[in-house]
Amino acid sequence: MKDKLGKYLQDWRIDIVLPHIEGRLLDIGCGMNELVERYPDDGIGIDVYQWGNVDILVEDSSDLPFDDRSFDTVTVLAALNHIPNRTEVLKEIHRVLKENGKFLMTMIPPAISRVWHILREPWDIDQHERGMVDGEVYGIRQKEVRRLLEESGFSIYVEKRFMLGINCFTGARKSCR
């Protein structure tokens, strides 16, 4: 069964994030790698699961095969909650970002995410292909997103609600330590 609603919502997330991307891009949890495909410049999509169009398959997103300060922008769209070791991954993102580099993400709150997963189960390939693993959660509250980013060395410069106020886009810059 074709997931037209899922595709529409993914495109909406990409449309929100694309104008904020600068320079070389790394998309973590890239899924089908649609963001990198739509970005007109240099981009790489990585994931821990092979969805069919992943550029680089990694075992752990907290151990990336890139040199320090390799990317101008790193994105995680609707996926930080699916990363069990979020703190370690955010520190790794900080490592691979250039000075003053951007980290961009989208996230939905837990209660809405839980209901969403139940309603979308028949069409959601993620639930059929991979499922949830230990440490994954249904969404993350914005207060927790702020805490995680600040503890990982990022300064938030924008928070913007979209998708009828349900989803939140967060943009942060790498802080110099």
N, C-alpha and C. Protein backbone atom coordinates (compact mmCIF):
# COMPACT_ATOMS: atom_id res chain seq x y z
N MET A 1 0.85 -1.19 0.00
CA MET A 1 0.00 0.00 0.00
C MET A 1 0.89 1.25 0.00
N LYS A 2 0.69 2.15 -0.91
CA LYS A 2 1.48 3.37 -1.04
C LYS A 2 1.17 4.33 0.11
N ASP A 3 2.21 4.90 0.71
CA ASP A 3 2.06 5.78 1.86
C ASP A 3 2.10 7.24 1.42
N LYS A 4 1.01 7.70 0.82
CA LYS A 4 0.95 9.07 0.30
C LYS A 4 1.02 10.10 1.42
N LEU A 5 0.36 9.84 2.56
CA LEU A 5 0.39 10.78 3.67
C LEU A 5 1.80 10.88 4.25
N GLY A 6 2.46 9.75 4.44
CA GLY A 6 3.83 9.75 4.94
C GLY A 6 4.77 10.54 4.03
N LYS A 7 4.62 10.36 2.73
CA LYS A 7 5.44 11.09 1.75
C LYS A 7 5.16 12.58 1.82
N TYR A 8 3.89 12.95 1.94
CA TYR A 8 3.51 14.36 2.04
C TYR A 8 4.14 15.01 3.28
N LEU A 9 4.08 14.33 4.41
CA LEU A 9 4.63 14.87 5.65
C LEU A 9 6.16 14.93 5.60
N GLN A 10 6.79 13.93 4.99
CA GLN A 10 8.25 13.95 4.83
C GLN A 10 8.66 15.14 3.96
N ASP A 11 7.93 15.37 2.87
CA ASP A 11 8.22 16.52 2.01
C ASP A 11 8.06 17.83 2.77
N TRP A 12 7.07 17.91 3.65
CA TRP A 12 6.84 19.11 4.45
C TRP A 12 8.04 19.35 5.36
N ARG A 13 8.54 18.31 6.02
CA ARG A 13 9.73 18.45 6.88
C ARG A 13 10.93 18.93 6.06
N ILE A 14 11.12 18.34 4.91
CA ILE A 14 12.25 18.72 4.06
C ILE A 14 12.12 20.17 3.62
N ASP A 15 10.92 20.59 3.24
CA ASP A 15 10.69 21.98 2.82
C ASP A 15 11.00 22.98 3.93
N ILE A 16 10.75 22.61 5.18
CA ILE A 16 11.05 23.48 6.33
C ILE A 16 12.56 23.61 6.53
N VAL A 17 13.28 22.51 6.35
CA VAL A 17 14.71 22.45 6.67
C VAL A 17 15.60 22.95 5.53
N LEU A 18 15.26 22.66 4.29
CA LEU A 18 16.13 22.99 3.15
C LEU A 18 16.66 24.43 3.13
N PRO A 19 15.84 25.45 3.39
CA PRO A 19 16.37 26.82 3.33
C PRO A 19 17.46 27.12 4.37
N HIS A 20 17.57 26.30 5.38
CA HIS A 20 18.55 26.54 6.46
C HIS A 20 19.87 25.81 6.23
N ILE A 21 19.92 24.92 5.26
CA ILE A 21 21.13 24.13 5.02
C ILE A 21 22.16 24.99 4.28
N GLU A 22 23.40 24.87 4.73
CA GLU A 22 24.52 25.57 4.09
C GLU A 22 25.65 24.58 3.88
N GLY A 23 26.35 24.69 2.76
CA GLY A 23 27.56 23.93 2.52
C GLY A 23 27.37 22.42 2.49
N ARG A 24 28.39 21.72 2.93
CA ARG A 24 28.38 20.25 2.91
C ARG A 24 27.43 19.73 3.98
N LEU A 25 26.55 18.81 3.57
CA LEU A 25 25.47 18.29 4.42
C LEU A 25 25.69 16.84 4.80
N LEU A 26 25.40 16.52 6.07
CA LEU A 26 25.31 15.14 6.53
C LEU A 26 23.91 14.97 7.12
N ASP A 27 23.15 14.02 6.58
CA ASP A 27 21.81 13.71 7.09
C ASP A 27 21.87 12.37 7.82
N ILE A 28 21.67 12.40 9.13
CA ILE A 28 21.71 11.20 9.97
C ILE A 28 20.29 10.67 10.12
N GLY A 29 20.15 9.36 9.96
CA GLY A 29 18.81 8.76 9.97
C GLY A 29 18.08 9.12 8.69
N CYS A 30 18.80 9.05 7.58
CA CYS A 30 18.33 9.59 6.30
C CYS A 30 17.17 8.82 5.68
N GLY A 31 16.90 7.60 6.16
CA GLY A 31 15.80 6.83 5.57
C GLY A 31 16.04 6.59 4.09
N MET A 32 15.11 7.03 3.27
CA MET A 32 15.23 6.87 1.81
C MET A 32 16.12 7.94 1.17
N ASN A 33 16.73 8.77 2.00
CA ASN A 33 17.72 9.76 1.55
C ASN A 33 17.12 10.88 0.70
N GLU A 34 15.87 11.21 0.95
CA GLU A 34 15.18 12.22 0.15
C GLU A 34 15.73 13.63 0.34
N LEU A 35 16.16 13.97 1.57
CA LEU A 35 16.71 15.30 1.80
C LEU A 35 17.98 15.51 0.98
N VAL A 36 18.89 14.54 1.02
CA VAL A 36 20.14 14.66 0.26
C VAL A 36 19.84 14.73 -1.23
N GLU A 37 18.89 13.96 -1.70
CA GLU A 37 18.54 14.00 -3.13
C GLU A 37 18.00 15.36 -3.55
N ARG A 38 17.30 16.02 -2.65
CA ARG A 38 16.72 17.33 -2.99
C ARG A 38 17.68 18.50 -2.75
N TYR A 39 18.73 18.26 -1.97
CA TYR A 39 19.71 19.32 -1.70
C TYR A 39 20.62 19.48 -2.92
N PRO A 40 20.75 20.70 -3.47
CA PRO A 40 21.47 20.85 -4.73
C PRO A 40 22.99 20.77 -4.62
N ASP A 41 23.54 20.80 -3.43
CA ASP A 41 24.99 20.77 -3.27
C ASP A 41 25.46 19.41 -2.75
N ASP A 42 26.56 19.41 -2.07
CA ASP A 42 27.22 18.19 -1.59
C ASP A 42 26.54 17.66 -0.32
N GLY A 43 26.05 16.43 -0.37
CA GLY A 43 25.40 15.84 0.79
C GLY A 43 25.59 14.34 0.87
N ILE A 44 25.57 13.83 2.11
CA ILE A 44 25.70 12.40 2.37
C ILE A 44 24.61 12.00 3.36
N GLY A 45 23.94 10.90 3.07
CA GLY A 45 22.92 10.37 3.97
C GLY A 45 23.40 9.09 4.61
N ILE A 46 23.31 9.03 5.95
CA ILE A 46 23.69 7.80 6.66
C ILE A 46 22.52 7.30 7.48
N ASP A 47 22.53 6.00 7.73
CA ASP A 47 21.49 5.39 8.55
C ASP A 47 22.06 4.10 9.13
N VAL A 48 21.38 3.57 10.14
CA VAL A 48 21.76 2.28 10.72
C VAL A 48 20.98 1.14 10.07
N TYR A 49 20.06 1.50 9.21
CA TYR A 49 19.24 0.51 8.52
C TYR A 49 19.26 0.83 7.02
N GLN A 50 19.38 -0.18 6.20
CA GLN A 50 19.43 0.04 4.75
C GLN A 50 18.02 0.13 4.18
N TRP A 51 17.57 1.36 3.97
CA TRP A 51 16.23 1.60 3.43
C TRP A 51 16.21 1.52 1.91
N GLY A 52 17.36 1.34 1.29
CA GLY A 52 17.41 1.19 -0.15
C GLY A 52 18.20 2.27 -0.85
N ASN A 53 18.34 3.44 -0.23
CA ASN A 53 19.04 4.52 -0.90
C ASN A 53 20.01 5.23 0.05
N VAL A 54 20.42 4.56 1.09
CA VAL A 54 21.34 5.13 2.07
C VAL A 54 22.74 5.19 1.46
N ASP A 55 23.42 6.34 1.59
CA ASP A 55 24.78 6.47 1.05
C ASP A 55 25.77 5.63 1.85
N ILE A 56 25.70 5.75 3.18
CA ILE A 56 26.62 5.02 4.05
C ILE A 56 25.82 4.37 5.17
N LEU A 57 25.96 3.08 5.30
CA LEU A 57 25.33 2.33 6.37
C LEU A 57 26.32 2.26 7.53
N VAL A 58 25.88 2.69 8.73
CA VAL A 58 26.74 2.66 9.91
C VAL A 58 26.11 1.77 10.97
N GLU A 59 26.93 1.21 11.80
CA GLU A 59 26.44 0.38 12.89
C GLU A 59 25.94 1.24 14.04
N ASP A 60 26.61 2.39 14.24
CA ASP A 60 26.31 3.27 15.36
C ASP A 60 26.56 4.71 14.93
N SER A 61 25.55 5.55 15.03
CA SER A 61 25.67 6.95 14.60
C SER A 61 26.54 7.79 15.54
N SER A 62 27.00 7.20 16.64
CA SER A 62 27.91 7.93 17.53
C SER A 62 29.36 7.66 17.18
N ASP A 63 29.60 6.92 16.11
CA ASP A 63 30.94 6.61 15.64
C ASP A 63 30.96 6.77 14.12
N LEU A 64 31.03 8.02 13.68
CA LEU A 64 30.92 8.33 12.26
C LEU A 64 32.28 8.25 11.56
N PRO A 65 32.29 7.80 10.31
CA PRO A 65 33.54 7.63 9.57
C PRO A 65 34.01 8.92 8.88
N PHE A 66 34.01 10.02 9.63
CA PHE A 66 34.39 11.31 9.06
C PHE A 66 35.38 12.01 9.97
N ASP A 67 36.23 12.85 9.37
CA ASP A 67 37.19 13.64 10.13
C ASP A 67 36.46 14.73 10.92
N ASP A 68 37.14 15.27 11.91
CA ASP A 68 36.63 16.42 12.65
C ASP A 68 36.35 17.56 11.67
N ARG A 69 35.29 18.31 11.96
CA ARG A 69 34.94 19.51 11.20
C ARG A 69 34.80 19.25 9.70
N SER A 70 34.11 18.17 9.34
CA SER A 70 33.92 17.78 7.94
C SER A 70 32.68 18.38 7.29
N PHE A 71 31.72 18.85 8.09
CA PHE A 71 30.42 19.27 7.54
C PHE A 71 30.03 20.66 8.02
N ASP A 72 29.33 21.38 7.13
CA ASP A 72 28.79 22.69 7.47
C ASP A 72 27.43 22.55 8.16
N THR A 73 26.67 21.52 7.78
CA THR A 73 25.32 21.30 8.31
C THR A 73 25.13 19.81 8.55
N VAL A 74 24.53 19.48 9.70
CA VAL A 74 24.10 18.11 9.99
C VAL A 74 22.61 18.17 10.31
N THR A 75 21.85 17.23 9.76
CA THR A 75 20.40 17.18 9.99
C THR A 75 19.99 15.83 10.57
N VAL A 76 18.92 15.88 11.36
CA VAL A 76 18.24 14.67 11.86
C VAL A 76 16.75 14.99 11.81
N LEU A 77 16.06 14.48 10.79
CA LEU A 77 14.65 14.79 10.61
C LEU A 77 13.78 13.66 11.16
N ALA A 78 12.98 13.99 12.15
CA ALA A 78 12.03 13.04 12.74
C ALA A 78 12.70 11.73 13.12
N ALA A 79 13.94 11.80 13.61
CA ALA A 79 14.67 10.57 13.89
C ALA A 79 15.44 10.56 15.21
N LEU A 80 15.64 11.70 15.86
CA LEU A 80 16.43 11.70 17.09
C LEU A 80 15.83 10.77 18.15
N ASN A 81 14.52 10.67 18.16
CA ASN A 81 13.86 9.77 19.11
C ASN A 81 14.12 8.30 18.79
N HIS A 82 14.53 8.00 17.57
CA HIS A 82 14.84 6.63 17.17
C HIS A 82 16.31 6.28 17.40
N ILE A 83 17.06 7.20 17.99
CA ILE A 83 18.47 6.98 18.30
C ILE A 83 18.58 6.75 19.81
N PRO A 84 18.86 5.51 20.22
CA PRO A 84 18.92 5.22 21.66
C PRO A 84 20.00 6.01 22.41
N ASN A 85 21.16 6.17 21.81
CA ASN A 85 22.28 6.87 22.45
C ASN A 85 22.34 8.32 21.95
N ARG A 86 21.28 9.06 22.19
CA ARG A 86 21.14 10.42 21.68
C ARG A 86 22.28 11.34 22.10
N THR A 87 22.65 11.29 23.37
CA THR A 87 23.70 12.19 23.87
C THR A 87 25.02 11.95 23.15
N GLU A 88 25.39 10.69 22.98
CA GLU A 88 26.64 10.37 22.30
C GLU A 88 26.59 10.79 20.83
N VAL A 89 25.45 10.60 20.20
CA VAL A 89 25.32 10.99 18.79
C VAL A 89 25.40 12.51 18.64
N LEU A 90 24.78 13.25 19.54
CA LEU A 90 24.87 14.71 19.47
C LEU A 90 26.30 15.20 19.67
N LYS A 91 27.04 14.54 20.54
CA LYS A 91 28.46 14.90 20.72
C LYS A 91 29.27 14.58 19.47
N GLU A 92 28.92 13.48 18.79
CA GLU A 92 29.59 13.13 17.54
C GLU A 92 29.23 14.13 16.44
N ILE A 93 27.99 14.58 16.42
CA ILE A 93 27.57 15.62 15.47
C ILE A 93 28.40 16.88 15.71
N HIS A 94 28.55 17.24 16.97
CA HIS A 94 29.36 18.41 17.33
C HIS A 94 30.79 18.25 16.79
N ARG A 95 31.34 17.05 16.90
CA ARG A 95 32.70 16.78 16.44
C ARG A 95 32.84 16.97 14.93
N VAL A 96 31.88 16.46 14.15
CA VAL A 96 32.02 16.50 12.68
C VAL A 96 31.59 17.83 12.07
N LEU A 97 30.97 18.70 12.87
CA LEU A 97 30.57 20.02 12.35
C LEU A 97 31.75 21.00 12.37
N LYS A 98 31.82 21.82 11.33
CA LYS A 98 32.80 22.90 11.31
C LYS A 98 32.43 23.93 12.37
N GLU A 99 33.38 24.79 12.70
CA GLU A 99 33.11 25.86 13.66
C GLU A 99 31.90 26.69 13.18
N ASN A 100 31.00 26.95 14.07
CA ASN A 100 29.77 27.69 13.79
C ASN A 100 28.84 26.93 12.84
N GLY A 101 29.08 25.61 12.67
CA GLY A 101 28.23 24.80 11.81
C GLY A 101 26.83 24.66 12.37
N LYS A 102 25.91 24.23 11.53
CA LYS A 102 24.49 24.14 11.90
C LYS A 102 24.06 22.70 12.14
N PHE A 103 23.26 22.53 13.18
CA PHE A 103 22.56 21.28 13.40
C PHE A 103 21.07 21.59 13.30
N LEU A 104 20.37 20.87 12.40
CA LEU A 104 18.96 21.10 12.14
C LEU A 104 18.19 19.83 12.40
N MET A 105 17.06 19.96 13.09
CA MET A 105 16.26 18.77 13.39
C MET A 105 14.78 19.09 13.45
N THR A 106 13.96 18.05 13.28
CA THR A 106 12.52 18.17 13.51
C THR A 106 12.13 17.08 14.50
N MET A 107 11.09 17.38 15.30
CA MET A 107 10.65 16.41 16.30
C MET A 107 9.19 16.67 16.66
N ILE A 108 8.52 15.57 16.98
CA ILE A 108 7.13 15.58 17.39
C ILE A 108 7.07 15.17 18.87
N PRO A 109 6.12 15.69 19.65
CA PRO A 109 6.05 15.32 21.07
C PRO A 109 5.59 13.87 21.28
N PRO A 110 5.93 13.28 22.43
CA PRO A 110 5.67 11.86 22.68
C PRO A 110 4.21 11.41 22.56
N ALA A 111 3.28 12.13 23.15
CA ALA A 111 1.88 11.67 23.13
C ALA A 111 1.34 11.61 21.71
N ILE A 112 1.62 12.64 20.93
CA ILE A 112 1.16 12.67 19.55
C ILE A 112 1.86 11.58 18.74
N SER A 113 3.14 11.38 18.99
CA SER A 113 3.89 10.35 18.29
C SER A 113 3.33 8.95 18.56
N ARG A 114 3.00 8.68 19.79
CA ARG A 114 2.46 7.36 20.15
C ARG A 114 1.15 7.09 19.41
N VAL A 115 0.25 8.07 19.44
CA VAL A 115 -1.04 7.94 18.73
C VAL A 115 -0.79 7.82 17.23
N TRP A 116 0.10 8.64 16.72
CA TRP A 116 0.43 8.64 15.30
C TRP A 116 0.91 7.26 14.86
N HIS A 117 1.81 6.64 15.64
CA HIS A 117 2.32 5.32 15.29
C HIS A 117 1.22 4.26 15.28
N ILE A 118 0.29 4.37 16.19
CA ILE A 118 -0.82 3.41 16.24
C ILE A 118 -1.72 3.57 15.01
N LEU A 119 -2.07 4.82 14.71
CA LEU A 119 -2.96 5.08 13.57
C LEU A 119 -2.30 4.73 12.23
N ARG A 120 -1.01 4.96 12.12
CA ARG A 120 -0.31 4.79 10.85
C ARG A 120 0.29 3.41 10.66
N GLU A 121 0.17 2.53 11.63
CA GLU A 121 0.81 1.22 11.57
C GLU A 121 0.59 0.47 10.26
N PRO A 122 -0.60 0.44 9.69
CA PRO A 122 -0.78 -0.32 8.44
C PRO A 122 0.05 0.20 7.26
N TRP A 123 0.40 1.49 7.26
CA TRP A 123 1.09 2.10 6.12
C TRP A 123 2.54 2.44 6.41
N ASP A 124 2.96 2.37 7.67
CA ASP A 124 4.29 2.84 8.07
C ASP A 124 5.32 1.75 7.86
N ILE A 125 6.14 1.90 6.81
CA ILE A 125 7.14 0.90 6.48
C ILE A 125 8.13 0.71 7.62
N ASP A 126 8.45 1.79 8.36
CA ASP A 126 9.39 1.70 9.47
C ASP A 126 8.92 0.69 10.51
N GLN A 127 7.63 0.66 10.80
CA GLN A 127 7.11 -0.26 11.80
C GLN A 127 7.13 -1.70 11.30
N HIS A 128 7.08 -1.90 10.00
CA HIS A 128 7.09 -3.25 9.44
C HIS A 128 8.51 -3.73 9.15
N GLU A 129 9.35 -2.83 8.69
CA GLU A 129 10.70 -3.21 8.28
C GLU A 129 11.65 -3.36 9.47
N ARG A 130 11.64 -2.39 10.38
CA ARG A 130 12.64 -2.33 11.42
C ARG A 130 12.05 -2.40 12.82
N GLY A 131 10.97 -1.68 13.05
CA GLY A 131 10.36 -1.64 14.37
C GLY A 131 11.17 -0.80 15.36
N MET A 132 10.74 -0.80 16.61
CA MET A 132 11.41 -0.03 17.66
C MET A 132 12.42 -0.93 18.36
N VAL A 133 13.55 -0.35 18.75
CA VAL A 133 14.57 -1.07 19.51
C VAL A 133 14.71 -0.43 20.89
N ASP A 134 15.37 -1.13 21.80
CA ASP A 134 15.57 -0.61 23.16
C ASP A 134 16.19 0.78 23.11
N GLY A 135 15.64 1.68 23.88
CA GLY A 135 16.16 3.04 23.96
C GLY A 135 15.46 4.03 23.04
N GLU A 136 14.73 3.54 22.05
CA GLU A 136 13.95 4.44 21.20
C GLU A 136 12.72 4.90 21.97
N VAL A 137 12.26 6.10 21.68
CA VAL A 137 11.09 6.64 22.35
C VAL A 137 10.14 7.22 21.30
N TYR A 138 8.90 7.39 21.70
CA TYR A 138 7.89 8.00 20.82
C TYR A 138 7.96 9.50 20.97
N GLY A 139 8.78 10.15 20.18
CA GLY A 139 8.90 11.60 20.21
C GLY A 139 9.71 12.09 21.40
N ILE A 140 10.04 13.39 21.36
CA ILE A 140 10.78 14.04 22.44
C ILE A 140 10.18 15.43 22.63
N ARG A 141 9.90 15.77 23.88
CA ARG A 141 9.39 17.12 24.19
C ARG A 141 10.46 18.16 23.88
N GLN A 142 10.02 19.36 23.48
CA GLN A 142 10.96 20.42 23.10
C GLN A 142 11.87 20.81 24.26
N LYS A 143 11.38 20.76 25.46
CA LYS A 143 12.21 21.06 26.64
C LYS A 143 13.39 20.10 26.72
N GLU A 144 13.15 18.83 26.43
CA GLU A 144 14.22 17.82 26.43
C GLU A 144 15.16 18.03 25.26
N VAL A 145 14.64 18.41 24.10
CA VAL A 145 15.48 18.73 22.94
C VAL A 145 16.45 19.85 23.32
N ARG A 146 15.94 20.90 23.94
CA ARG A 146 16.79 22.03 24.35
C ARG A 146 17.91 21.57 25.29
N ARG A 147 17.54 20.76 26.28
CA ARG A 147 18.52 20.27 27.25
C ARG A 147 19.61 19.46 26.56
N LEU A 148 19.20 18.52 25.71
CA LEU A 148 20.16 17.68 25.00
C LEU A 148 21.13 18.51 24.15
N LEU A 149 20.59 19.48 23.43
CA LEU A 149 21.43 20.31 22.57
C LEU A 149 22.40 21.16 23.37
N GLU A 150 21.91 21.80 24.42
CA GLU A 150 22.78 22.66 25.23
C GLU A 150 23.88 21.85 25.90
N GLU A 151 23.54 20.65 26.40
CA GLU A 151 24.55 19.80 27.05
C GLU A 151 25.57 19.26 26.05
N SER A 152 25.22 19.24 24.78
CA SER A 152 26.12 18.73 23.74
C SER A 152 26.91 19.83 23.05
N GLY A 153 26.78 21.07 23.53
CA GLY A 153 27.59 22.15 22.99
C GLY A 153 26.97 22.93 21.85
N PHE A 154 25.64 22.97 21.80
CA PHE A 154 24.95 23.72 20.75
C PHE A 154 24.20 24.90 21.34
N SER A 155 24.06 25.96 20.54
CA SER A 155 23.26 27.13 20.89
C SER A 155 22.09 27.20 19.91
N ILE A 156 20.89 27.13 20.42
CA ILE A 156 19.71 27.17 19.57
C ILE A 156 19.50 28.58 19.04
N TYR A 157 19.27 28.69 17.74
CA TYR A 157 19.00 30.00 17.15
C TYR A 157 17.59 30.12 16.58
N VAL A 158 16.90 28.99 16.40
CA VAL A 158 15.52 29.06 15.93
C VAL A 158 14.74 27.84 16.40
N GLU A 159 13.51 28.08 16.81
CA GLU A 159 12.53 27.02 17.07
C GLU A 159 11.24 27.46 16.38
N LYS A 160 10.75 26.60 15.52
CA LYS A 160 9.58 26.98 14.73
C LYS A 160 8.61 25.80 14.66
N ARG A 161 7.39 26.04 15.08
CA ARG A 161 6.35 25.01 14.99
C ARG A 161 5.81 24.97 13.58
N PHE A 162 5.48 23.77 13.11
CA PHE A 162 4.85 23.59 11.80
C PHE A 162 3.98 22.35 11.86
N MET A 163 3.37 21.96 10.75
CA MET A 163 2.39 20.87 10.71
C MET A 163 1.30 21.12 11.75
N LEU A 164 0.64 22.25 11.59
CA LEU A 164 -0.45 22.65 12.49
C LEU A 164 0.01 22.79 13.93
N GLY A 165 1.28 23.13 14.12
CA GLY A 165 1.83 23.33 15.46
C GLY A 165 2.25 22.06 16.16
N ILE A 166 2.10 20.93 15.51
CA ILE A 166 2.40 19.64 16.13
C ILE A 166 3.90 19.36 16.12
N ASN A 167 4.55 19.63 15.02
CA ASN A 167 5.96 19.33 14.85
C ASN A 167 6.78 20.58 15.16
N CYS A 168 8.05 20.39 15.55
CA CYS A 168 8.91 21.54 15.83
C CYS A 168 10.22 21.40 15.07
N PHE A 169 10.59 22.45 14.35
CA PHE A 169 11.89 22.55 13.69
C PHE A 169 12.81 23.30 14.64
N THR A 170 13.99 22.77 14.89
CA THR A 170 14.98 23.41 15.74
C THR A 170 16.27 23.57 14.97
N GLY A 171 16.82 24.76 14.98
CA GLY A 171 18.12 25.04 14.39
C GLY A 171 19.08 25.46 15.48
N ALA A 172 20.28 24.87 15.49
CA ALA A 172 21.28 25.19 16.49
C ALA A 172 22.64 25.33 15.82
N ARG A 173 23.51 26.07 16.46
CA ARG A 173 24.86 26.24 15.95
C ARG A 173 25.85 25.59 16.92
N LYS A 174 26.92 25.09 16.35
CA LYS A 174 27.98 24.52 17.17
C LYS A 174 28.63 25.64 17.99
N SER A 175 28.63 25.47 19.28
CA SER A 175 29.28 26.44 20.15
C SER A 175 30.75 26.05 20.29
N CYS A 176 31.59 27.06 20.38
CA CYS A 176 33.01 26.79 20.61
C CYS A 176 33.21 26.51 22.09
N ARG A 177 33.90 25.44 22.38
CA ARG A 177 34.14 25.07 23.79
C ARG A 177 35.50 25.50 24.23
